[in-house]
């Protein structure tokens, strides 16, 4: 019988690949940080709609405070616009960075061949 070495565990393979991954991520830290900030803003704006529904039912309808209706609507519109802008920016930023990374990896492969 042949002695086969067991395949390395997932964590061991990850540790072996970590320097290569870090070499790819390190020059793009700024873009990734901006992407993370945009994603956080996008998620916070996504929480406005559920909160506004609660406020609409509890305060505007329940307590008959119609003076809160206009600020509530403006807040929802602003949050929706911000969410759309951050979503678009995030898509553009990260897709362009990904295309540049793919081009760089292709150049490295071509140079190696």
N, C-alpha and C. Protein backbone atom coordinates (compact mmCIF):
# COMPACT_ATOMS: atom_id res chain seq x y z
N UNK A 1 0.84 -1.19 0.00
CA UNK A 1 0.00 0.00 0.00
C UNK A 1 0.88 1.25 0.00
N UNK A 2 0.35 2.23 -0.60
CA UNK A 2 1.07 3.49 -0.74
C UNK A 2 0.75 4.39 0.45
N UNK A 3 1.78 4.99 1.04
CA UNK A 3 1.55 5.93 2.15
C UNK A 3 1.26 7.30 1.58
N UNK A 4 0.02 7.71 1.71
CA UNK A 4 -0.35 9.04 1.23
C UNK A 4 -0.37 10.01 2.40
N UNK A 5 0.14 11.16 2.13
CA UNK A 5 0.14 12.21 3.14
C UNK A 5 -1.26 12.82 3.16
N UNK A 6 -1.87 13.00 4.35
CA UNK A 6 -3.22 13.58 4.39
C UNK A 6 -3.19 15.02 3.90
N UNK A 7 -4.27 15.44 3.26
CA UNK A 7 -4.29 16.83 2.78
C UNK A 7 -4.22 17.80 3.96
N UNK A 8 -3.56 18.92 3.77
CA UNK A 8 -3.43 19.88 4.88
C UNK A 8 -4.80 20.44 5.26
N UNK A 9 -4.91 20.78 6.51
CA UNK A 9 -6.16 21.35 7.00
C UNK A 9 -6.40 22.72 6.38
N UNK A 10 -7.62 23.15 6.42
CA UNK A 10 -7.98 24.43 5.82
C UNK A 10 -7.19 25.57 6.45
N UNK A 11 -7.05 25.57 7.77
CA UNK A 11 -6.32 26.65 8.43
C UNK A 11 -4.84 26.63 8.05
N UNK A 12 -4.27 25.43 7.85
CA UNK A 12 -2.87 25.34 7.45
C UNK A 12 -2.69 25.87 6.03
N UNK A 13 -3.63 25.55 5.15
CA UNK A 13 -3.55 26.06 3.78
C UNK A 13 -3.71 27.57 3.76
N UNK A 14 -4.61 28.08 4.61
CA UNK A 14 -4.80 29.52 4.69
C UNK A 14 -3.54 30.22 5.18
N UNK A 15 -2.89 29.64 6.18
CA UNK A 15 -1.65 30.23 6.70
C UNK A 15 -0.56 30.22 5.64
N UNK A 16 -0.55 29.19 4.81
CA UNK A 16 0.46 29.13 3.76
C UNK A 16 0.19 30.17 2.67
N UNK A 17 -1.07 30.47 2.42
CA UNK A 17 -1.43 31.45 1.38
C UNK A 17 -1.46 32.88 1.89
N UNK A 18 -1.44 33.06 3.19
CA UNK A 18 -1.59 34.40 3.77
C UNK A 18 -0.55 35.41 3.27
N UNK A 19 0.72 35.06 3.13
CA UNK A 19 1.68 36.06 2.59
C UNK A 19 1.33 36.50 1.17
N UNK A 20 0.87 35.56 0.34
CA UNK A 20 0.49 35.92 -1.03
C UNK A 20 -0.73 36.82 -1.04
N UNK A 21 -1.69 36.50 -0.19
CA UNK A 21 -2.91 37.33 -0.10
C UNK A 21 -2.54 38.72 0.40
N UNK A 22 -1.70 38.79 1.41
CA UNK A 22 -1.30 40.09 1.96
C UNK A 22 -0.56 40.92 0.93
N UNK A 23 0.24 40.26 0.08
CA UNK A 23 0.96 40.99 -0.97
C UNK A 23 -0.01 41.60 -1.99
N UNK A 24 -1.14 40.95 -2.21
CA UNK A 24 -2.15 41.49 -3.12
C UNK A 24 -2.98 42.60 -2.47
N UNK A 25 -3.24 42.47 -1.17
CA UNK A 25 -4.11 43.42 -0.46
C UNK A 25 -3.36 44.68 -0.05
N UNK A 26 -2.10 44.55 0.32
CA UNK A 26 -1.34 45.67 0.89
C UNK A 26 -1.36 46.93 0.04
N UNK A 27 -1.12 46.87 -1.29
CA UNK A 27 -1.14 48.11 -2.06
C UNK A 27 -2.55 48.69 -2.24
N UNK A 28 -3.56 47.92 -1.91
CA UNK A 28 -4.95 48.37 -2.11
C UNK A 28 -5.67 48.65 -0.79
N UNK A 29 -4.92 48.84 0.28
CA UNK A 29 -5.54 49.06 1.59
C UNK A 29 -6.43 50.30 1.60
N UNK A 30 -5.99 51.36 0.95
CA UNK A 30 -6.78 52.60 0.93
C UNK A 30 -8.12 52.41 0.26
N UNK A 31 -8.10 51.74 -0.89
CA UNK A 31 -9.36 51.49 -1.61
C UNK A 31 -10.28 50.59 -0.78
N UNK A 32 -9.70 49.58 -0.15
CA UNK A 32 -10.51 48.69 0.68
C UNK A 32 -11.08 49.41 1.89
N UNK A 33 -10.32 50.32 2.46
CA UNK A 33 -10.81 51.10 3.60
C UNK A 33 -11.96 52.01 3.17
N UNK A 34 -11.80 52.68 2.04
CA UNK A 34 -12.89 53.52 1.52
C UNK A 34 -14.12 52.67 1.24
N UNK A 35 -13.90 51.49 0.66
CA UNK A 35 -15.01 50.57 0.41
C UNK A 35 -15.71 50.15 1.68
N UNK A 36 -14.94 49.90 2.74
CA UNK A 36 -15.53 49.52 4.02
C UNK A 36 -16.37 50.66 4.60
N UNK A 37 -15.86 51.88 4.52
CA UNK A 37 -16.60 53.05 5.02
C UNK A 37 -17.89 53.24 4.23
N UNK A 38 -17.80 53.12 2.90
CA UNK A 38 -19.01 53.24 2.08
C UNK A 38 -20.03 52.15 2.42
N UNK A 39 -19.54 50.94 2.67
CA UNK A 39 -20.43 49.85 3.02
C UNK A 39 -21.11 50.11 4.37
N UNK A 40 -20.36 50.64 5.33
CA UNK A 40 -20.94 50.95 6.64
C UNK A 40 -22.01 52.04 6.51
N UNK A 41 -21.74 53.08 5.74
CA UNK A 41 -22.73 54.14 5.52
C UNK A 41 -23.97 53.58 4.84
N UNK A 42 -23.76 52.70 3.87
CA UNK A 42 -24.87 52.09 3.16
C UNK A 42 -25.75 51.27 4.10
N UNK A 43 -25.13 50.51 4.97
CA UNK A 43 -25.91 49.67 5.90
C UNK A 43 -26.66 50.53 6.92
N UNK A 44 -26.04 51.60 7.39
CA UNK A 44 -26.73 52.48 8.35
C UNK A 44 -27.94 53.14 7.69
N UNK A 45 -27.77 53.57 6.44
CA UNK A 45 -28.91 54.16 5.71
C UNK A 45 -30.00 53.13 5.47
N UNK A 46 -29.64 51.88 5.37
CA UNK A 46 -30.63 50.82 5.20
C UNK A 46 -31.48 50.62 6.43
N UNK A 47 -31.00 51.07 7.58
CA UNK A 47 -31.78 50.93 8.82
C UNK A 47 -32.80 52.05 9.00
N UNK A 48 -32.73 53.07 8.18
CA UNK A 48 -33.64 54.21 8.31
C UNK A 48 -35.08 53.81 8.00
N UNK A 49 -35.28 53.01 6.97
CA UNK A 49 -36.65 52.65 6.57
C UNK A 49 -37.40 51.89 7.66
N UNK A 50 -36.82 50.85 8.28
CA UNK A 50 -37.55 50.19 9.38
C UNK A 50 -37.82 51.14 10.55
N UNK A 51 -36.84 51.99 10.86
CA UNK A 51 -37.03 52.94 11.96
C UNK A 51 -38.13 53.95 11.62
N UNK A 52 -38.16 54.38 10.36
CA UNK A 52 -39.17 55.36 9.96
C UNK A 52 -40.58 54.76 10.00
N UNK A 53 -40.70 53.48 9.68
CA UNK A 53 -42.00 52.83 9.75
C UNK A 53 -42.49 52.78 11.19
N UNK A 54 -41.60 52.45 12.11
CA UNK A 54 -41.96 52.44 13.53
C UNK A 54 -42.39 53.83 13.98
N UNK A 55 -41.62 54.84 13.57
CA UNK A 55 -41.94 56.21 13.96
C UNK A 55 -43.26 56.66 13.34
N UNK A 56 -43.51 56.27 12.10
CA UNK A 56 -44.75 56.63 11.43
C UNK A 56 -45.95 56.05 12.17
N UNK A 57 -45.87 54.77 12.51
CA UNK A 57 -47.01 54.13 13.17
C UNK A 57 -47.16 54.62 14.60
N UNK A 58 -46.07 54.68 15.36
CA UNK A 58 -46.15 55.05 16.77
C UNK A 58 -46.45 56.53 16.98
N UNK A 59 -45.70 57.40 16.30
CA UNK A 59 -45.80 58.83 16.59
C UNK A 59 -46.77 59.56 15.68
N UNK A 60 -46.63 59.39 14.37
CA UNK A 60 -47.46 60.17 13.44
C UNK A 60 -48.90 59.69 13.48
N UNK A 61 -49.11 58.38 13.38
CA UNK A 61 -50.49 57.86 13.36
C UNK A 61 -51.02 57.69 14.78
N UNK A 62 -50.24 57.05 15.64
CA UNK A 62 -50.70 56.76 17.01
C UNK A 62 -50.92 57.99 17.86
N UNK A 63 -50.00 58.91 17.86
CA UNK A 63 -50.09 60.12 18.68
C UNK A 63 -50.60 61.31 17.88
N UNK A 64 -50.95 61.09 16.62
CA UNK A 64 -51.48 62.12 15.73
C UNK A 64 -50.57 63.36 15.66
N UNK A 65 -49.27 63.10 15.50
CA UNK A 65 -48.30 64.19 15.38
C UNK A 65 -47.95 64.37 13.91
N UNK A 66 -48.80 65.04 13.19
CA UNK A 66 -48.60 65.23 11.75
C UNK A 66 -47.41 66.16 11.46
N UNK A 67 -46.97 66.91 12.46
CA UNK A 67 -45.82 67.78 12.25
C UNK A 67 -44.54 66.99 12.02
N UNK A 68 -44.53 65.71 12.42
CA UNK A 68 -43.35 64.87 12.21
C UNK A 68 -43.34 64.20 10.83
N UNK A 69 -44.43 64.30 10.10
CA UNK A 69 -44.53 63.59 8.83
C UNK A 69 -43.54 64.12 7.79
N UNK A 70 -43.44 65.43 7.64
CA UNK A 70 -42.54 65.98 6.63
C UNK A 70 -41.07 65.68 6.93
N UNK A 71 -40.57 65.88 8.17
CA UNK A 71 -39.18 65.50 8.46
C UNK A 71 -38.94 64.00 8.27
N UNK A 72 -39.94 63.20 8.57
CA UNK A 72 -39.82 61.75 8.40
C UNK A 72 -39.66 61.39 6.92
N UNK A 73 -40.49 61.99 6.08
CA UNK A 73 -40.42 61.73 4.64
C UNK A 73 -39.09 62.23 4.07
N UNK A 74 -38.67 63.42 4.48
CA UNK A 74 -37.39 63.96 4.00
C UNK A 74 -36.21 63.09 4.45
N UNK A 75 -36.29 62.58 5.66
CA UNK A 75 -35.24 61.69 6.16
C UNK A 75 -35.17 60.40 5.36
N UNK A 76 -36.33 59.84 5.03
CA UNK A 76 -36.35 58.61 4.24
C UNK A 76 -35.80 58.87 2.83
N UNK A 77 -36.19 59.98 2.24
CA UNK A 77 -35.69 60.32 0.90
C UNK A 77 -34.18 60.53 0.92
N UNK A 78 -33.70 61.26 1.92
CA UNK A 78 -32.25 61.50 2.04
C UNK A 78 -31.49 60.18 2.24
N UNK A 79 -32.01 59.33 3.10
CA UNK A 79 -31.34 58.04 3.35
C UNK A 79 -31.34 57.18 2.09
N UNK A 80 -32.43 57.22 1.32
CA UNK A 80 -32.50 56.44 0.08
C UNK A 80 -31.50 56.97 -0.94
N UNK A 81 -31.39 58.29 -1.06
CA UNK A 81 -30.43 58.88 -1.99
C UNK A 81 -28.99 58.56 -1.59
N UNK A 82 -28.70 58.67 -0.31
CA UNK A 82 -27.35 58.35 0.18
C UNK A 82 -27.05 56.88 -0.04
N UNK A 83 -28.03 56.02 0.22
CA UNK A 83 -27.83 54.59 0.03
C UNK A 83 -27.56 54.27 -1.45
N UNK A 84 -28.29 54.91 -2.34
CA UNK A 84 -28.07 54.70 -3.76
C UNK A 84 -26.70 55.18 -4.20
N UNK A 85 -26.30 56.36 -3.71
CA UNK A 85 -25.00 56.92 -4.09
C UNK A 85 -23.85 56.06 -3.55
N UNK A 86 -23.96 55.60 -2.31
CA UNK A 86 -22.89 54.77 -1.76
C UNK A 86 -22.85 53.41 -2.44
N UNK A 87 -23.99 52.86 -2.78
CA UNK A 87 -24.03 51.58 -3.48
C UNK A 87 -23.36 51.70 -4.85
N UNK A 88 -23.69 52.75 -5.59
CA UNK A 88 -23.08 52.98 -6.90
C UNK A 88 -21.58 53.19 -6.76
N UNK A 89 -21.17 54.03 -5.81
CA UNK A 89 -19.75 54.32 -5.61
C UNK A 89 -18.98 53.07 -5.23
N UNK A 90 -19.56 52.28 -4.36
CA UNK A 90 -18.92 51.04 -3.93
C UNK A 90 -18.73 50.09 -5.10
N UNK A 91 -19.75 49.95 -5.91
CA UNK A 91 -19.66 49.07 -7.07
C UNK A 91 -18.58 49.55 -8.03
N UNK A 92 -18.57 50.83 -8.33
CA UNK A 92 -17.57 51.38 -9.25
C UNK A 92 -16.16 51.24 -8.70
N UNK A 93 -15.99 51.61 -7.45
CA UNK A 93 -14.66 51.59 -6.82
C UNK A 93 -14.08 50.18 -6.79
N UNK A 94 -14.86 49.24 -6.30
CA UNK A 94 -14.34 47.89 -6.14
C UNK A 94 -14.23 47.14 -7.46
N UNK A 95 -15.14 47.40 -8.40
CA UNK A 95 -15.03 46.70 -9.68
C UNK A 95 -13.81 47.19 -10.46
N UNK A 96 -13.53 48.49 -10.41
CA UNK A 96 -12.33 49.00 -11.10
C UNK A 96 -11.06 48.47 -10.44
N UNK A 97 -11.06 48.40 -9.11
CA UNK A 97 -9.90 47.86 -8.41
C UNK A 97 -9.71 46.38 -8.76
N UNK A 98 -10.81 45.65 -8.87
CA UNK A 98 -10.72 44.23 -9.23
C UNK A 98 -10.19 44.06 -10.65
N UNK A 99 -10.64 44.89 -11.56
CA UNK A 99 -10.14 44.80 -12.94
C UNK A 99 -8.65 45.11 -13.01
N UNK A 100 -8.20 46.10 -12.24
CA UNK A 100 -6.77 46.41 -12.22
C UNK A 100 -5.96 45.26 -11.64
N UNK A 101 -6.50 44.63 -10.58
CA UNK A 101 -5.82 43.49 -9.97
C UNK A 101 -5.74 42.32 -10.95
N UNK A 102 -6.81 42.04 -11.66
CA UNK A 102 -6.80 40.96 -12.64
C UNK A 102 -5.78 41.25 -13.74
N UNK A 103 -5.74 42.48 -14.20
CA UNK A 103 -4.76 42.84 -15.23
C UNK A 103 -3.33 42.66 -14.72
N UNK A 104 -3.10 43.05 -13.48
CA UNK A 104 -1.77 42.90 -12.89
C UNK A 104 -1.39 41.42 -12.76
N UNK A 105 -2.33 40.59 -12.33
CA UNK A 105 -2.05 39.17 -12.22
C UNK A 105 -1.78 38.54 -13.59
N UNK A 106 -2.51 38.99 -14.60
CA UNK A 106 -2.26 38.48 -15.96
C UNK A 106 -0.87 38.87 -16.44
N UNK A 107 -0.45 40.11 -16.14
CA UNK A 107 0.89 40.53 -16.52
C UNK A 107 1.95 39.68 -15.83
N UNK A 108 1.73 39.36 -14.56
CA UNK A 108 2.69 38.53 -13.82
C UNK A 108 2.75 37.13 -14.42
N UNK A 109 1.61 36.57 -14.79
CA UNK A 109 1.60 35.25 -15.38
C UNK A 109 2.31 35.26 -16.72
N UNK A 110 2.02 36.28 -17.53
CA UNK A 110 2.65 36.39 -18.85
C UNK A 110 4.17 36.57 -18.71
N UNK A 111 4.59 37.35 -17.73
CA UNK A 111 6.03 37.54 -17.52
C UNK A 111 6.68 36.25 -17.05
N UNK A 112 5.96 35.46 -16.29
CA UNK A 112 6.49 34.20 -15.79
C UNK A 112 6.62 33.17 -16.91
N UNK A 113 5.69 33.21 -17.82
CA UNK A 113 5.71 32.27 -18.96
C UNK A 113 6.76 32.72 -19.93
